[in-house]
Amino acid sequence: METITIWMFGGLEIRNASGAPVPITNPKAASLLSFLILNRDRPQTTDTLIEIFWPQHEPVLSRGILRHAFDHISTACADHDIDASTFMTCEDDAFWFQANDSVQIDVDAFDRATGGQTKASLDDDDAADLSSAVALYRGDLLPGEKGPWCEPFREKNRQRFLRAVEGLIDHAIRHHQWSRAILYGTRYLARDPLAEPVHAALMTCFHAAGNRAAAIRQFRHLTDSLRGMLNSEPSDETVALYQEILNDSTRNCSPKNPRAATVSRARPTTGMQPAVPSGLLGSCVWNKS
């Protein structure tokens, strides 16, 4: 069976079986499709969709606009050799997106890989699965979508992403994989620059990797960020870690303070859009049960 691929992280993108993009040029049609995908396998009544997307119009006009948006999606798919009826249905005054083997969705793969993340510490297989999932996260879910219906989905996936990266940082630190921990820590801070535990973990990793100057710079970057954005100072624990690193100009190993070498839960505050290498949508994440 030929498959199509749908990306939603970093923006809606659809490609047919040959890899050609399928543009949905009508913004409301794109929003409608996105909403149906995120509520896949759950029929949505006409009245519900009208209330979400066209509440300002009279019911008769709104129904016509909804039908036009649905037809726009079907036509765009047909123009690129995709039979939309295999995954989109409209009957009995309801619309829905039916997930099946002909459609691969990045959010689906991400959900499967991160939804069961409950272990306090990851084993190597867990870390490999989460690494693949994190690679799928090209950016916030549908960043251009302004409708309030999208924010709960966006925030849920943002939190899962941060928890996954947090677990990968801890896993890398436990295995003394300093460069890998630094890579994930940097990605975390690009989304949440005020996550002090992650700054402390990066200080630990830079110091352990023999780059004391970078560890010191990381502390100063944290201090500047906290002062500039929250008018606050680093915690006593982070200051103690900084003093330890500052006073140790020769030792290139794990710091004495073990608590600073793990990442505790932090609250996200900002966003970014990291790049993802092409081809990752064929990774094992798609087939994880």
Protein backbone atom coordinates (compact mmCIF):
# COMPACT_ATOMS: atom_id res chain seq x y z
CA MET A 1 0.00 0.00 0.00
CA GLU A 2 1.35 3.42 -0.95
CA THR A 3 1.69 5.80 1.97
CA ILE A 4 1.58 9.50 2.50
CA THR A 5 3.51 11.34 5.18
CA ILE A 6 2.19 14.19 7.29
CA TRP A 7 4.38 16.46 9.42
CA MET A 8 2.81 18.73 12.02
CA PHE A 9 5.82 19.65 14.14
CA GLY A 10 7.24 22.88 12.75
CA GLY A 11 4.23 23.37 10.48
CA LEU A 12 1.79 21.30 8.44
CA GLU A 13 3.49 19.50 5.56
CA ILE A 14 2.09 16.67 3.47
CA ARG A 15 3.95 14.52 0.94
CA ASN A 16 2.63 11.81 -1.32
CA ALA A 17 4.16 8.37 -1.81
CA SER A 18 6.77 9.73 -4.24
CA GLY A 19 7.78 12.49 -1.83
CA ALA A 20 6.12 15.36 -3.70
CA PRO A 21 4.63 18.09 -1.48
CA VAL A 22 0.85 18.43 -1.33
CA PRO A 23 0.05 22.10 -0.70
CA ILE A 24 -3.16 22.99 1.14
CA THR A 25 -3.39 26.61 0.05
CA ASN A 26 -6.64 27.49 1.82
CA PRO A 27 -5.67 28.44 5.41
CA LYS A 28 -9.00 27.38 6.90
CA ALA A 29 -8.85 24.09 5.04
CA ALA A 30 -5.36 23.52 6.47
CA SER A 31 -6.65 24.30 9.97
CA LEU A 32 -9.60 21.98 9.47
CA LEU A 33 -7.35 19.14 8.32
CA SER A 34 -4.98 19.71 11.23
CA PHE A 35 -7.85 19.66 13.71
CA LEU A 36 -9.23 16.41 12.27
CA ILE A 37 -5.78 14.78 12.34
CA LEU A 38 -5.18 15.72 15.97
CA ASN A 39 -8.63 14.34 16.79
CA ARG A 40 -8.15 11.34 14.52
CA ASP A 41 -10.66 8.50 14.80
CA ARG A 42 -13.06 10.77 16.66
CA PRO A 43 -15.96 12.01 14.46
CA GLN A 44 -16.59 15.76 14.68
CA THR A 45 -20.08 17.06 14.10
CA THR A 46 -20.75 19.84 11.64
CA ASP A 47 -21.97 22.07 14.46
CA THR A 48 -18.75 21.52 16.41
CA LEU A 49 -16.57 22.43 13.45
CA ILE A 50 -18.64 25.50 12.63
CA GLU A 51 -18.41 26.70 16.24
CA ILE A 52 -14.61 26.35 16.16
CA PHE A 53 -13.81 27.73 12.73
CA TRP A 54 -16.74 29.86 11.46
CA PRO A 55 -18.81 31.06 14.43
CA GLN A 56 -19.20 34.51 12.90
CA HIS A 57 -21.31 33.30 9.95
CA GLU A 58 -24.91 32.22 9.62
CA PRO A 59 -25.31 28.42 9.92
CA VAL A 60 -26.26 27.90 6.27
CA LEU A 61 -23.25 29.89 5.04
CA SER A 62 -20.95 28.18 7.54
CA ARG A 63 -22.01 24.75 6.34
CA GLY A 64 -21.21 25.74 2.78
CA ILE A 65 -17.77 27.06 3.78
CA LEU A 66 -17.06 23.85 5.71
CA ARG A 67 -18.01 21.71 2.74
CA HIS A 68 -15.84 23.86 0.47
CA ALA A 69 -12.86 23.49 2.84
CA PHE A 70 -13.31 19.71 2.93
CA ASP A 71 -13.52 19.57 -0.87
CA HIS A 72 -10.39 21.74 -1.12
CA ILE A 73 -8.45 19.15 0.88
CA SER A 74 -9.78 16.30 -1.25
CA THR A 75 -8.96 18.11 -4.49
CA ALA A 76 -5.44 19.02 -3.36
CA CYS A 77 -4.83 15.37 -2.52
CA ALA A 78 -6.31 14.13 -5.81
CA ASP A 79 -4.09 16.54 -7.75
CA HIS A 80 -1.10 14.71 -6.23
CA ASP A 81 -2.31 11.12 -6.70
CA ILE A 82 -3.79 10.71 -3.23
CA ASP A 83 -7.27 9.36 -2.61
CA ALA A 84 -8.35 11.34 0.45
CA SER A 85 -11.38 9.09 0.95
CA THR A 86 -9.05 6.39 2.30
CA PHE A 87 -8.45 8.45 5.44
CA MET A 88 -11.02 11.29 5.48
CA THR A 89 -14.75 10.72 5.79
CA CYS A 90 -17.82 12.92 5.68
CA GLU A 91 -21.15 11.26 6.42
CA ASP A 92 -24.17 11.58 8.70
CA ASP A 93 -23.38 15.24 9.41
CA ALA A 94 -19.93 14.37 10.76
CA PHE A 95 -16.34 14.65 9.56
CA TRP A 96 -13.35 12.66 10.72
CA PHE A 97 -9.81 11.56 9.92
CA GLN A 98 -9.28 7.80 10.08
CA ALA A 99 -5.77 6.70 10.99
CA ASN A 100 -4.58 3.70 8.96
CA ASP A 101 -1.45 2.14 7.52
CA SER A 102 -1.58 4.37 4.43
CA VAL A 103 -0.77 7.49 6.46
CA GLN A 104 2.32 8.18 8.54
CA ILE A 105 2.01 11.12 10.95
CA ASP A 106 4.93 12.52 12.92
CA VAL A 107 2.70 13.25 15.93
CA ASP A 108 1.58 9.61 15.96
CA ALA A 109 5.15 8.37 15.97
CA PHE A 110 6.13 10.88 18.63
CA ASP A 111 3.19 9.84 20.81
CA ARG A 112 4.10 6.18 20.61
CA ALA A 113 7.74 6.81 21.50
CA THR A 114 7.15 9.26 24.35
CA GLY A 115 3.75 8.36 25.76
CA GLY A 116 5.05 5.55 27.94
CA GLN A 117 8.07 7.39 29.32
CA THR A 118 7.69 6.58 33.02
CA LYS A 119 11.08 5.22 34.10
CA ALA A 120 13.17 7.28 36.48
CA SER A 121 16.23 6.40 34.41
CA LEU A 122 16.49 5.19 30.82
CA ASP A 123 18.20 2.08 29.57
CA ASP A 124 19.98 2.14 26.21
CA ASP A 125 16.91 0.96 24.27
CA ASP A 126 14.74 3.63 25.89
CA ALA A 127 17.32 6.27 25.03
CA ALA A 128 17.48 5.13 21.40
CA ASP A 129 13.68 5.35 21.08
CA LEU A 130 13.55 8.80 22.67
CA SER A 131 16.43 10.02 20.53
CA SER A 132 14.47 9.09 17.40
CA ALA A 133 11.36 10.75 18.79
CA VAL A 134 13.20 13.96 19.65
CA ALA A 135 14.60 14.07 16.12
CA LEU A 136 11.02 14.18 14.81
CA TYR A 137 10.31 17.35 16.79
CA ARG A 138 11.14 19.96 14.15
CA GLY A 139 9.53 22.70 16.21
CA ASP A 140 6.33 23.47 18.07
CA LEU A 141 3.19 21.78 16.82
CA LEU A 142 1.60 23.89 14.06
CA PRO A 143 3.36 27.12 15.08
CA GLY A 144 1.36 29.18 12.59
CA GLU A 145 -2.00 28.01 13.91
CA LYS A 146 -3.54 30.76 16.04
CA GLY A 147 -6.79 29.04 16.96
CA PRO A 148 -7.20 28.41 20.70
CA TRP A 149 -8.18 24.80 19.96
CA CYS A 150 -4.55 24.05 19.06
CA GLU A 151 -2.80 25.23 22.22
CA PRO A 152 -3.61 22.20 24.43
CA PHE A 153 -2.18 19.87 21.78
CA ARG A 154 0.83 22.11 21.30
CA GLU A 155 1.58 22.35 25.01
CA LYS A 156 1.14 18.61 25.62
CA ASN A 157 3.68 17.78 22.93
CA ARG A 158 6.05 20.52 24.06
CA GLN A 159 6.06 19.06 27.57
CA ARG A 160 6.66 15.56 26.23
CA PHE A 161 9.54 16.84 24.14
CA LEU A 162 11.16 18.52 27.12
CA ARG A 163 10.74 15.45 29.31
CA ALA A 164 12.27 13.29 26.58
CA VAL A 165 15.27 15.60 26.18
CA GLU A 166 15.64 15.76 29.96
CA GLY A 167 15.79 11.97 30.10
CA LEU A 168 18.37 11.88 27.33
CA ILE A 169 20.55 14.41 29.14
CA ASP A 170 20.48 12.31 32.30
CA HIS A 171 21.20 9.12 30.35
CA ALA A 172 24.19 10.72 28.62
CA ILE A 173 25.58 12.07 31.89
CA ARG A 174 25.30 8.69 33.61
CA HIS A 175 27.33 7.18 30.77
CA HIS A 176 29.83 10.07 30.77
CA GLN A 177 28.82 10.97 27.21
CA TRP A 178 29.58 14.64 27.74
CA SER A 179 29.28 15.82 24.14
CA ARG A 180 25.93 14.11 23.74
CA ALA A 181 24.63 15.59 26.99
CA ILE A 182 25.79 19.04 25.87
CA LEU A 183 23.99 18.61 22.54
CA TYR A 184 20.69 17.76 24.22
CA GLY A 185 21.16 20.36 26.94
CA THR A 186 21.70 23.06 24.34
CA ARG A 187 18.56 21.99 22.53
CA TYR A 188 16.56 22.08 25.76
CA LEU A 189 17.76 25.59 26.58
CA ALA A 190 16.83 26.79 23.11
CA ARG A 191 13.25 26.08 24.17
CA ASP A 192 13.56 27.07 27.82
CA PRO A 193 16.51 29.41 28.46
CA LEU A 194 15.63 29.78 32.15
CA ALA A 195 15.84 26.07 33.03
CA GLU A 196 18.49 26.38 35.73
CA PRO A 197 18.94 22.60 36.30
CA VAL A 198 19.84 22.21 32.63
CA HIS A 199 22.34 25.08 32.82
CA ALA A 200 23.90 23.34 35.84
CA ALA A 201 24.03 20.04 33.95
CA LEU A 202 25.81 21.78 31.06
CA MET A 203 28.30 23.32 33.48
CA THR A 204 28.96 19.82 34.81
CA CYS A 205 29.42 18.39 31.32
CA PHE A 206 31.69 21.15 30.02
CA HIS A 207 33.88 20.84 33.11
CA ALA A 208 34.00 17.03 32.93
CA ALA A 209 34.89 17.24 29.23
CA GLY A 210 37.85 19.47 30.07
CA ASN A 211 36.33 22.76 28.93
CA ARG A 212 36.35 24.77 32.15
CA ALA A 213 36.04 28.07 30.30
CA ALA A 214 32.78 26.95 28.66
CA ALA A 215 31.42 25.84 32.05
CA ILE A 216 32.14 29.29 33.47
CA ARG A 217 30.55 30.96 30.46
CA GLN A 218 27.45 28.80 30.94
CA PHE A 219 27.05 30.04 34.51
CA ARG A 220 27.45 33.66 33.43
CA HIS A 221 24.91 33.12 30.65
CA LEU A 222 22.46 31.71 33.20
CA THR A 223 23.09 34.63 35.55
CA ASP A 224 22.51 37.20 32.80
CA SER A 225 19.32 35.44 31.70
CA LEU A 226 17.86 35.24 35.21
CA ARG A 227 18.71 38.85 35.98
CA GLY A 228 17.44 40.15 32.67
CA MET A 229 14.21 38.13 32.45
CA LEU A 230 13.23 37.43 36.08
CA ASN A 231 15.30 39.89 38.11
CA SER A 232 16.58 36.93 40.14
CA GLU A 233 19.83 35.09 40.89
CA PRO A 234 21.01 31.48 40.48
CA SER A 235 20.30 29.12 43.37
CA ASP A 236 22.86 28.51 46.09
CA GLU A 237 23.45 25.02 44.72
CA THR A 238 24.30 26.32 41.24
CA VAL A 239 26.55 29.02 42.72
CA ALA A 240 28.37 26.34 44.74
CA LEU A 241 28.88 24.30 41.57
CA TYR A 242 30.24 27.39 39.83
CA GLN A 243 32.66 28.07 42.70
CA GLU A 244 33.85 24.47 42.59
CA ILE A 245 34.53 24.72 38.87
CA LEU A 246 36.10 28.16 39.23
CA ASN A 247 38.51 26.91 41.88
CA ASP A 248 39.44 23.76 39.97
CA SER A 249 41.60 24.81 37.05
CA THR A 250 43.31 21.46 36.47
CA ARG A 251 40.92 18.60 37.17
CA ASN A 252 39.05 17.26 34.12
CA CYS A 253 36.60 14.76 35.55
CA SER A 254 33.11 14.60 36.98
CA PRO A 255 32.48 17.28 39.62
CA LYS A 256 32.22 16.42 43.29
CA ASN A 257 28.62 17.50 43.53
CA PRO A 258 26.57 14.57 42.18
CA ARG A 259 23.26 16.43 42.45
CA ALA A 260 24.43 18.90 39.83
CA ALA A 261 25.04 16.08 37.38
CA THR A 262 21.38 15.26 36.80
CA VAL A 263 18.51 17.29 35.45
CA SER A 264 15.46 17.84 37.65
CA ARG A 265 12.08 18.89 36.29
CA ALA A 266 12.01 22.42 34.91
CA ARG A 267 9.21 24.63 33.63
CA PRO A 268 9.36 25.58 29.92
CA THR A 269 9.07 29.27 29.13
CA THR A 270 10.01 29.91 25.52
CA GLY A 271 10.09 28.24 22.10
CA MET A 272 12.27 27.47 19.12
CA GLN A 273 12.20 25.57 15.88
CA PRO A 274 15.07 23.08 15.66
CA ALA A 275 15.91 21.51 12.34
CA VAL A 276 15.47 17.81 11.68
CA PRO A 277 17.54 15.90 9.12
CA SER A 278 15.62 14.58 6.14
CA GLY A 279 14.80 10.91 6.13
CA LEU A 280 14.02 10.57 9.83
CA LEU A 281 10.41 9.80 9.08
CA GLY A 282 11.54 6.38 7.95
CA SER A 283 13.07 5.58 11.35
CA CYS A 284 12.02 2.82 13.71
CA VAL A 285 9.77 5.25 15.57
CA TRP A 286 7.06 4.69 12.96
CA ASN A 287 6.86 1.01 13.78
CA LYS A 288 7.15 1.15 17.55
CA SER A 289 4.20 -0.64 19.12
